[in-house]
């Protein structure tokens, strides 16, 4: 299963999150490898950068 999050959904998620989870990337990251952000591109890049940091921490030498 792949979770695809689009701009309209992100706006809804932002409104429904409590103060601690103030940015949708926290919610998206809870889905782990089951999630893929298609747009907006800036959020997709944030998630990619975070995934690359995690891969580096866990010893992965190739991401993508």
N, C-alpha and C. Protein backbone atom coordinates (compact mmCIF):
# COMPACT_ATOMS: atom_id res chain seq x y z
N UNK A 1 0.84 -1.18 0.00
CA UNK A 1 0.00 0.00 0.00
C UNK A 1 0.88 1.23 0.00
N UNK A 2 0.61 2.17 -0.87
CA UNK A 2 1.30 3.46 -0.92
C UNK A 2 0.30 4.53 -0.55
N UNK A 3 0.68 5.40 0.38
CA UNK A 3 -0.16 6.53 0.77
C UNK A 3 0.30 7.73 -0.03
N UNK A 4 -0.55 8.25 -0.87
CA UNK A 4 -0.22 9.42 -1.67
C UNK A 4 -0.90 10.63 -1.04
N UNK A 5 -0.11 11.65 -0.73
CA UNK A 5 -0.64 12.85 -0.10
C UNK A 5 -0.51 14.00 -1.09
N UNK A 6 -1.62 14.60 -1.43
CA UNK A 6 -1.63 15.71 -2.37
C UNK A 6 -1.89 17.01 -1.64
N UNK A 7 -1.72 18.14 -2.33
CA UNK A 7 -1.84 19.46 -1.72
C UNK A 7 -3.13 19.66 -0.96
N UNK A 8 -4.26 19.26 -1.54
CA UNK A 8 -5.54 19.46 -0.88
C UNK A 8 -5.60 18.67 0.43
N UNK A 9 -5.07 17.48 0.43
CA UNK A 9 -5.07 16.64 1.63
C UNK A 9 -4.16 17.24 2.69
N UNK A 10 -3.04 17.79 2.28
CA UNK A 10 -2.11 18.39 3.23
C UNK A 10 -2.78 19.54 3.96
N UNK A 11 -3.56 20.35 3.25
CA UNK A 11 -4.27 21.45 3.90
C UNK A 11 -5.23 20.93 4.96
N UNK A 12 -5.92 19.84 4.67
CA UNK A 12 -6.84 19.25 5.64
C UNK A 12 -6.09 18.69 6.83
N UNK A 13 -4.95 18.04 6.57
CA UNK A 13 -4.15 17.46 7.64
C UNK A 13 -3.63 18.56 8.56
N UNK A 14 -3.15 19.65 7.99
CA UNK A 14 -2.63 20.77 8.79
C UNK A 14 -3.69 21.26 9.78
N UNK A 15 -4.92 21.37 9.33
CA UNK A 15 -6.01 21.88 10.16
C UNK A 15 -6.39 20.91 11.27
N UNK A 16 -6.19 19.61 11.05
CA UNK A 16 -6.64 18.63 12.02
C UNK A 16 -5.56 18.22 13.03
N UNK A 17 -4.35 18.68 12.84
CA UNK A 17 -3.26 18.27 13.74
C UNK A 17 -3.23 19.15 14.98
N UNK A 18 -2.78 18.58 16.09
CA UNK A 18 -2.64 19.39 17.30
C UNK A 18 -1.38 20.24 17.21
N UNK A 19 -1.14 21.08 18.22
CA UNK A 19 -0.04 22.04 18.19
C UNK A 19 1.34 21.36 18.09
N UNK A 20 1.49 20.20 18.69
CA UNK A 20 2.79 19.51 18.65
C UNK A 20 3.17 19.11 17.23
N UNK A 21 2.21 18.61 16.50
CA UNK A 21 2.46 18.20 15.12
C UNK A 21 2.04 19.32 14.18
N UNK A 22 2.82 20.38 14.20
CA UNK A 22 2.46 21.60 13.46
C UNK A 22 2.80 21.55 11.97
N UNK A 23 3.44 20.52 11.53
CA UNK A 23 3.80 20.41 10.11
C UNK A 23 3.43 19.02 9.61
N UNK A 24 2.88 18.90 8.42
CA UNK A 24 2.41 17.60 7.95
C UNK A 24 3.51 16.55 7.81
N UNK A 25 4.78 16.95 7.75
CA UNK A 25 5.81 15.92 7.56
C UNK A 25 5.89 14.98 8.77
N UNK A 26 5.52 15.43 9.97
CA UNK A 26 5.50 14.53 11.12
C UNK A 26 4.48 13.41 10.89
N UNK A 27 3.32 13.78 10.42
CA UNK A 27 2.26 12.81 10.16
C UNK A 27 2.66 11.86 9.04
N UNK A 28 3.22 12.41 7.99
CA UNK A 28 3.63 11.59 6.85
C UNK A 28 4.70 10.58 7.27
N UNK A 29 5.66 11.02 8.07
CA UNK A 29 6.75 10.13 8.49
C UNK A 29 6.24 8.97 9.35
N UNK A 30 5.08 9.12 10.00
CA UNK A 30 4.55 8.01 10.78
C UNK A 30 4.18 6.83 9.88
N UNK A 31 3.98 7.08 8.60
CA UNK A 31 3.64 6.02 7.66
C UNK A 31 4.87 5.30 7.13
N UNK A 32 6.06 5.83 7.41
CA UNK A 32 7.30 5.19 6.99
C UNK A 32 7.37 4.98 5.49
N UNK A 33 7.83 3.82 5.09
CA UNK A 33 8.03 3.52 3.67
C UNK A 33 6.72 3.34 2.91
N UNK A 34 5.60 3.36 3.60
CA UNK A 34 4.30 3.21 2.93
C UNK A 34 3.81 4.53 2.34
N UNK A 35 4.47 5.64 2.66
CA UNK A 35 4.03 6.96 2.21
C UNK A 35 4.90 7.47 1.06
N UNK A 36 4.27 8.18 0.16
CA UNK A 36 4.99 8.90 -0.88
C UNK A 36 4.29 10.23 -1.11
N UNK A 37 5.02 11.32 -0.96
CA UNK A 37 4.48 12.66 -1.20
C UNK A 37 4.68 12.98 -2.68
N UNK A 38 3.60 13.28 -3.37
CA UNK A 38 3.69 13.63 -4.78
C UNK A 38 3.85 15.14 -4.97
N UNK A 39 3.16 15.90 -4.16
CA UNK A 39 3.25 17.35 -4.22
C UNK A 39 2.78 17.92 -2.90
N UNK A 40 3.13 19.09 -2.54
CA UNK A 40 4.01 20.02 -3.25
C UNK A 40 5.46 19.54 -3.23
N UNK A 41 6.21 20.00 -4.21
CA UNK A 41 7.59 19.59 -4.36
C UNK A 41 8.44 19.90 -3.14
N UNK A 42 8.17 21.01 -2.47
CA UNK A 42 8.96 21.38 -1.30
C UNK A 42 8.79 20.36 -0.17
N UNK A 43 7.57 19.88 0.03
CA UNK A 43 7.33 18.87 1.06
C UNK A 43 7.95 17.54 0.65
N UNK A 44 7.86 17.21 -0.63
CA UNK A 44 8.49 15.98 -1.12
C UNK A 44 9.99 16.01 -0.84
N UNK A 45 10.62 17.16 -1.06
CA UNK A 45 12.06 17.30 -0.82
C UNK A 45 12.38 17.19 0.67
N UNK A 46 11.55 17.77 1.54
CA UNK A 46 11.76 17.66 2.98
C UNK A 46 11.74 16.19 3.43
N UNK A 47 10.75 15.45 2.93
CA UNK A 47 10.62 14.05 3.31
C UNK A 47 11.81 13.25 2.76
N UNK A 48 12.21 13.55 1.54
CA UNK A 48 13.37 12.86 0.95
C UNK A 48 14.63 13.11 1.78
N UNK A 49 14.85 14.37 2.16
CA UNK A 49 16.04 14.71 2.94
C UNK A 49 16.03 13.97 4.28
N UNK A 50 14.88 13.90 4.92
CA UNK A 50 14.76 13.20 6.20
C UNK A 50 15.02 11.70 6.01
N UNK A 51 14.47 11.14 4.94
CA UNK A 51 14.68 9.70 4.65
C UNK A 51 16.16 9.41 4.39
N UNK A 52 16.84 10.32 3.72
CA UNK A 52 18.26 10.13 3.45
C UNK A 52 19.07 10.18 4.75
N UNK A 53 18.70 11.08 5.66
CA UNK A 53 19.38 11.14 6.96
C UNK A 53 19.17 9.83 7.73
N UNK A 54 17.95 9.32 7.69
CA UNK A 54 17.65 8.07 8.39
C UNK A 54 18.43 6.91 7.76
N UNK A 55 18.47 6.86 6.44
CA UNK A 55 19.20 5.79 5.75
C UNK A 55 20.67 5.83 6.12
N UNK A 56 21.22 7.03 6.22
CA UNK A 56 22.62 7.18 6.60
C UNK A 56 22.85 6.69 8.03
N UNK A 57 21.94 7.02 8.91
CA UNK A 57 22.07 6.61 10.30
C UNK A 57 22.03 5.08 10.44
N UNK A 58 21.22 4.44 9.63
CA UNK A 58 21.06 2.99 9.73
C UNK A 58 21.98 2.22 8.79
N UNK A 59 22.94 2.89 8.21
CA UNK A 59 23.97 2.20 7.46
C UNK A 59 23.68 1.96 5.99
N UNK A 60 22.61 2.53 5.45
CA UNK A 60 22.33 2.35 4.02
C UNK A 60 23.35 3.17 3.22
N UNK A 61 23.81 2.60 2.12
CA UNK A 61 24.78 3.31 1.28
C UNK A 61 24.15 3.83 0.02
N UNK A 62 22.92 3.47 -0.26
CA UNK A 62 22.24 3.91 -1.48
C UNK A 62 20.78 4.18 -1.16
N UNK A 63 20.29 5.33 -1.58
CA UNK A 63 18.89 5.67 -1.38
C UNK A 63 18.31 6.09 -2.72
N UNK A 64 17.30 5.37 -3.21
CA UNK A 64 16.66 5.77 -4.44
C UNK A 64 16.63 4.76 -5.46
